Protein backbone atom coordinates (compact mmCIF):
# COMPACT_ATOMS: atom_id res chain seq x y z
CA MET A 1 -131.93 202.01 71.54
CA LYS A 2 -134.42 200.89 68.89
CA GLY A 3 -135.40 204.08 67.12
CA ASN A 4 -137.72 206.46 68.93
CA GLY A 5 -139.65 205.75 72.07
CA PRO A 6 -141.25 202.61 73.50
CA VAL A 7 -141.62 199.56 71.29
CA SER A 8 -144.62 197.85 72.92
CA ASP A 9 -148.33 198.62 73.17
CA ALA A 10 -147.42 200.86 76.12
CA LEU A 11 -146.67 203.67 73.66
CA PHE A 12 -150.39 204.32 73.18
CA TRP A 13 -151.92 207.06 75.30
CA PRO A 14 -154.70 206.04 77.76
CA GLU A 15 -157.24 208.28 76.06
CA VAL A 16 -156.45 206.66 72.69
CA ARG A 17 -156.87 203.20 74.18
CA ALA A 18 -160.22 204.20 75.67
CA LEU A 19 -161.41 205.68 72.38
CA LEU A 20 -160.43 202.58 70.41
CA GLU A 21 -162.13 200.30 72.92
CA LYS A 22 -165.32 202.31 72.46
CA ARG A 23 -165.18 202.62 68.67
CA ARG A 24 -163.37 199.42 67.60
CA GLY A 25 -163.74 197.12 70.58
CA ARG A 26 -160.01 196.36 70.59
CA LEU A 27 -156.66 198.12 70.28
CA HIS A 28 -155.30 196.69 67.04
CA ALA A 29 -156.98 197.04 63.66
CA TYR A 30 -155.62 193.75 62.25
CA GLU A 31 -155.41 190.60 64.33
CA SER A 32 -153.82 188.61 61.50
CA LEU A 33 -151.84 189.18 58.29
CA ASP A 34 -151.69 187.25 55.03
CA ALA A 35 -147.92 186.96 54.69
CA LYS A 36 -147.95 186.12 50.97
CA ARG A 37 -149.90 189.30 50.24
CA THR A 38 -147.76 191.53 52.46
CA ALA A 39 -145.03 193.93 51.36
CA LEU A 40 -142.51 195.80 53.47
CA ILE A 41 -142.01 199.37 52.21
CA VAL A 42 -138.88 200.94 53.67
CA ILE A 43 -139.02 204.71 53.37
CA ASP A 44 -135.94 206.84 52.64
CA MET A 45 -133.21 205.05 54.59
CA GLN A 46 -130.69 207.00 52.56
CA ARG A 47 -127.29 208.36 53.42
CA ALA A 48 -128.72 211.90 53.46
CA PHE A 49 -130.92 210.93 56.44
CA VAL A 50 -128.84 208.28 58.22
CA ASP A 51 -125.19 209.29 57.94
CA ASP A 52 -123.68 211.71 60.46
CA GLY A 53 -123.22 215.29 59.30
CA THR A 54 -125.68 215.17 56.42
CA PRO A 55 -128.20 218.02 55.90
CA SER A 56 -131.25 215.83 56.59
CA PHE A 57 -129.69 213.80 59.43
CA VAL A 58 -132.08 211.86 61.70
CA GLY A 59 -130.27 210.82 64.85
CA ALA A 60 -132.50 207.80 65.59
CA ALA A 61 -132.45 206.39 62.06
CA ARG A 62 -129.35 204.19 62.26
CA ALA A 63 -130.69 202.45 65.36
CA ILE A 64 -133.70 201.05 63.47
CA ILE A 65 -131.61 199.27 60.80
CA PRO A 66 -131.48 195.94 62.70
CA ASN A 67 -135.27 195.88 63.02
CA ILE A 68 -135.73 196.80 59.36
CA ASN A 69 -133.42 193.96 58.37
CA ARG A 70 -135.28 191.52 60.64
CA LEU A 71 -138.58 192.55 59.05
CA ALA A 72 -137.18 192.23 55.54
CA GLU A 73 -135.90 188.71 56.26
CA ALA A 74 -139.23 187.66 57.79
CA VAL A 75 -141.29 189.10 54.93
CA ARG A 76 -139.18 187.33 52.30
CA ARG A 77 -139.15 184.05 54.25
CA THR A 78 -142.94 184.04 54.62
CA GLY A 79 -143.62 184.79 50.96
CA GLY A 80 -143.96 188.57 50.80
CA SER A 81 -142.07 191.33 48.99
CA VAL A 82 -139.68 194.12 50.02
CA ALA A 83 -139.26 197.59 48.50
CA TRP A 84 -136.97 200.53 49.34
CA SER A 85 -137.79 204.14 48.51
CA ARG A 86 -135.35 206.96 47.83
CA ALA A 87 -136.51 210.55 48.38
CA THR A 88 -135.60 212.38 45.18
CA PHE A 89 -135.52 216.05 44.15
CA THR A 90 -135.13 217.43 40.66
CA SER A 91 -132.29 219.69 39.54
CA GLU A 92 -134.57 222.77 39.57
CA PRO A 93 -133.53 225.46 42.10
CA ASP A 94 -136.47 224.53 44.33
CA GLY A 95 -136.14 220.81 43.66
CA GLY A 96 -139.67 220.80 42.27
CA TRP A 97 -141.02 221.77 45.73
CA SER A 98 -141.55 225.54 45.62
CA THR A 99 -143.88 225.73 48.63
CA PHE A 100 -141.75 223.58 50.94
CA PHE A 101 -138.38 225.08 50.11
CA GLY A 102 -139.83 228.56 49.88
CA HIS A 103 -141.29 228.52 53.39
CA ALA A 104 -140.50 225.45 55.55
CA VAL A 105 -136.70 225.72 55.69
CA SER A 106 -134.07 228.40 55.19
CA GLU A 107 -132.54 229.01 51.78
CA ARG A 108 -129.21 227.50 52.90
CA VAL A 109 -130.79 224.34 54.34
CA GLY A 110 -132.99 223.95 51.29
CA ARG A 111 -130.05 224.24 48.92
CA ASP A 112 -128.09 221.58 50.83
CA VAL A 113 -131.05 219.21 51.10
CA ILE A 114 -131.88 219.45 47.38
CA ALA A 115 -128.27 218.87 46.35
CA SER A 116 -127.89 215.83 48.61
CA LEU A 117 -131.06 214.11 47.38
CA GLN A 118 -130.78 214.44 43.62
CA ASP A 119 -130.45 211.17 41.74
CA GLY A 120 -126.75 210.33 41.58
CA ALA A 121 -125.72 212.39 44.62
CA ALA A 122 -123.89 210.57 47.41
CA GLY A 123 -126.68 211.27 49.89
CA HIS A 124 -129.31 209.84 47.55
CA GLY A 125 -128.02 206.28 47.93
CA LEU A 126 -129.39 203.84 50.49
CA THR A 127 -127.19 203.77 53.57
CA HIS A 128 -124.81 200.93 54.40
CA GLY A 129 -125.95 198.11 56.67
CA LEU A 130 -129.33 197.53 55.03
CA ASP A 131 -130.08 193.97 53.93
CA ILE A 132 -131.06 194.70 50.33
CA ARG A 133 -131.50 191.73 47.97
CA ASP A 134 -131.54 191.52 44.19
CA ALA A 135 -135.23 190.59 44.13
CA ASP A 136 -136.20 193.70 46.13
CA HIS A 137 -137.63 196.78 44.45
CA ILE A 138 -135.70 200.07 44.76
CA PHE A 139 -137.63 203.11 43.58
CA ASN A 140 -137.37 206.89 43.53
CA LYS A 141 -140.05 208.89 45.33
CA PHE A 142 -140.75 212.48 44.30
CA ARG A 143 -143.16 213.52 47.08
CA PHE A 144 -143.39 212.86 50.82
CA SER A 145 -145.88 210.05 50.18
CA ALA A 146 -144.84 207.14 48.00
CA PHE A 147 -148.53 206.64 47.21
CA THR A 148 -149.38 210.14 45.99
CA ARG A 149 -150.26 209.74 42.34
CA GLY A 150 -147.20 210.53 40.24
CA SER A 151 -144.79 210.24 43.17
CA SER A 152 -143.54 206.72 42.40
CA ASP A 153 -144.35 203.38 40.81
CA ILE A 154 -144.98 201.58 44.11
CA GLU A 155 -148.76 201.19 43.81
CA ALA A 156 -148.51 199.53 40.40
CA TRP A 157 -145.67 197.31 41.65
CA LEU A 158 -147.78 196.14 44.61
CA ARG A 159 -150.86 195.53 42.47
CA ARG A 160 -148.88 193.32 40.09
CA ARG A 161 -147.83 191.17 43.04
CA GLY A 162 -151.33 190.88 44.45
CA ALA A 163 -150.29 192.61 47.68
CA ASP A 164 -153.10 193.88 49.88
CA THR A 165 -151.08 194.77 52.98
CA VAL A 166 -148.12 197.11 53.46
CA LEU A 167 -145.76 197.40 56.41
CA ILE A 168 -144.22 200.87 56.69
CA ALA A 169 -140.72 201.37 58.10
CA GLY A 170 -138.04 204.03 57.71
CA THR A 171 -137.78 207.78 58.27
CA LEU A 172 -139.18 210.25 59.15
CA THR A 173 -142.07 208.71 61.06
CA HIS A 174 -144.24 211.83 60.96
CA VAL A 175 -143.39 212.98 57.44
CA CYS A 176 -142.74 210.52 54.59
CA CYS A 177 -143.61 207.38 56.55
CA GLU A 178 -146.92 208.69 57.85
CA SER A 179 -147.81 210.34 54.53
CA SER A 180 -147.14 207.07 52.68
CA ALA A 181 -149.03 204.99 55.24
CA ARG A 182 -152.12 207.20 55.21
CA ASP A 183 -152.27 207.29 51.43
CA ALA A 184 -151.74 203.53 51.17
CA MET A 185 -154.77 202.94 53.37
CA GLN A 186 -156.86 205.32 51.27
CA LEU A 187 -155.91 203.32 48.18
CA GLY A 188 -157.28 200.17 49.80
CA PHE A 189 -154.16 198.61 51.35
CA LYS A 190 -154.21 197.33 54.91
CA THR A 191 -151.40 199.34 56.44
CA VAL A 192 -149.20 198.76 59.49
CA MET A 193 -146.64 201.24 60.81
CA VAL A 194 -143.92 199.30 62.64
CA SER A 195 -143.22 201.31 65.78
CA ASP A 196 -139.58 200.37 66.37
CA ALA A 197 -138.67 200.40 62.68
CA ASN A 198 -139.59 204.06 62.17
CA ALA A 199 -137.58 207.08 63.32
CA SER A 200 -138.06 210.83 63.73
CA ARG A 201 -135.76 213.60 64.89
CA VAL A 202 -138.08 214.36 67.82
CA GLU A 203 -139.44 211.47 69.89
CA ALA A 204 -142.68 213.31 70.64
CA ASN A 205 -143.43 213.51 66.90
CA HIS A 206 -142.81 209.78 66.56
CA ILE A 207 -145.17 208.84 69.38
CA ALA A 208 -147.87 211.34 68.41
CA THR A 209 -147.89 210.03 64.84
CA LEU A 210 -148.36 206.43 65.93
CA ASN A 211 -151.18 207.38 68.33
CA ALA A 212 -152.93 209.32 65.57
CA PHE A 213 -152.42 206.69 62.88
CA ILE A 214 -153.85 203.73 64.82
CA GLN A 215 -157.14 205.53 65.39
CA SER A 216 -158.28 205.85 61.77
CA PHE A 217 -155.74 204.70 59.21
CA GLY A 218 -154.45 201.26 60.13
CA ASP A 219 -152.43 199.47 62.75
CA VAL A 220 -149.25 200.02 64.72
CA ARG A 221 -147.18 197.02 65.76
CA SER A 222 -143.65 196.42 67.01
CA ALA A 223 -141.23 194.47 64.83
CA ASP A 224 -141.59 191.41 67.09
CA GLN A 225 -145.38 191.55 66.90
CA THR A 226 -145.32 191.95 63.13
CA ILE A 227 -142.95 189.04 62.61
CA SER A 228 -145.12 186.86 64.87
CA LEU A 229 -148.18 187.68 62.75
CA LEU A 230 -146.31 186.81 59.55
CA GLU A 231 -145.13 183.50 60.98
CA ALA A 232 -148.62 182.71 62.27
CA SER A 233 -149.93 183.22 58.73
CA VAL A 234 -147.53 180.58 57.42
CA GLY A 235 -148.58 178.21 60.19
CA ALA A 236 -152.24 178.75 59.37
CA ARG A 237 -151.61 177.98 55.68
CA ALA A 238 -149.76 174.79 56.59
CA ALA A 239 -152.62 173.68 58.84
CA GLU A 240 -155.16 174.28 56.08
CA GLN A 241 -153.36 172.16 53.49
CA PRO A 242 -153.85 168.74 55.15
CA ALA A 243 -157.48 169.58 55.86
CA THR A 244 -158.03 170.53 52.20
CA ALA A 245 -156.33 167.35 51.04
CA ALA A 246 -158.43 165.22 53.40
CA ALA A 247 -161.63 166.82 52.14
CA LYS A 248 -160.80 165.75 48.61
């Protein structure tokens, strides 16, 4: 199992394919990537979401770790950057989220979720098995979207590196991953949700999110497709260098 649902272009509904053919003329938004200007943003792969028995457990999350690690290796190898977010609540009774914890979940669930995702709590840490390197950026995220103003430092971090493209992986597909991906696009980043490196509790939510996202906000690719695009970018740069040298 590789996270939720199919991992190829077959995950897109026929009516979505037909709409994109009419409006875009093709399925995918981006036919190439600039690897050196690409960053992988891994959303909330924390113990509170990935480890068995935790209050925010996502059953499909552990299965996507190999694909996340493959993406991280490929992004680093081709000249890009990698960042890891940690969902974080404050020590206030409502965790700083009065509307969500007042209405979306029960008082007991809310209390357990807030306690497990405060900075320093065991559940707040990134889960074991992730290939995290010293040069990567680990950051706290105080809203569903990493790109909501005031939620984190990720936009400034990307701008300093000259990144113009973000790959979104992690959990939950239809909550923090989708929120971050949509906001990244609206801030001017080319954005790709990696289908088999995202996970939700309900497969239907996962698939519906990817079908909605590809229509207006960016692209959806499998891990294999994404890695191929990164490697093709390196090949294209290598081919350009002799031609530039010859022209001189």
